Amino acid sequence: MLLTIDVGNTNITFGLYQGETLGPRWRVATDHQRMPDEYGILMVNLFRHAGLGPEAVHGIALASVVPPLTGVVLTDVPETTVPSASTARAVALIAGCAVGTRSIEKK
């Protein structure tokens, strides 16, 4: 599945896609004080509530207008929360007007 994350000033929206079909999706409050592990635990619990495990995620697409949280969500959370994402080819990143990709393989 593809995990999509939209980091906004008020909310962070998570969604899981199987192909082109949007499955479970969630909206949580954006919290600049939350640590990467807290976001990770939150995501794992949301997955489990939907009857899924983090190993179902094979890629991540992230959009963000909150630069201080982009690194927290993009760099730290996938490594600790979505272990199979570390074998994904890349993360699609949309931040402001820039689009790029970033490898999330563990070093």
Foldseek 3Di string as FASTA:
>chain_A
DEWEWEAEQFWIKIWDDDVPDIDDIDIDGDDLPDALVNVLVVVQVSQVVVVHGLQVHQAYEYEYADVSCCCSVPARNCVVRRVNNLVHPWYWYHYPNDTDTHHRHDD
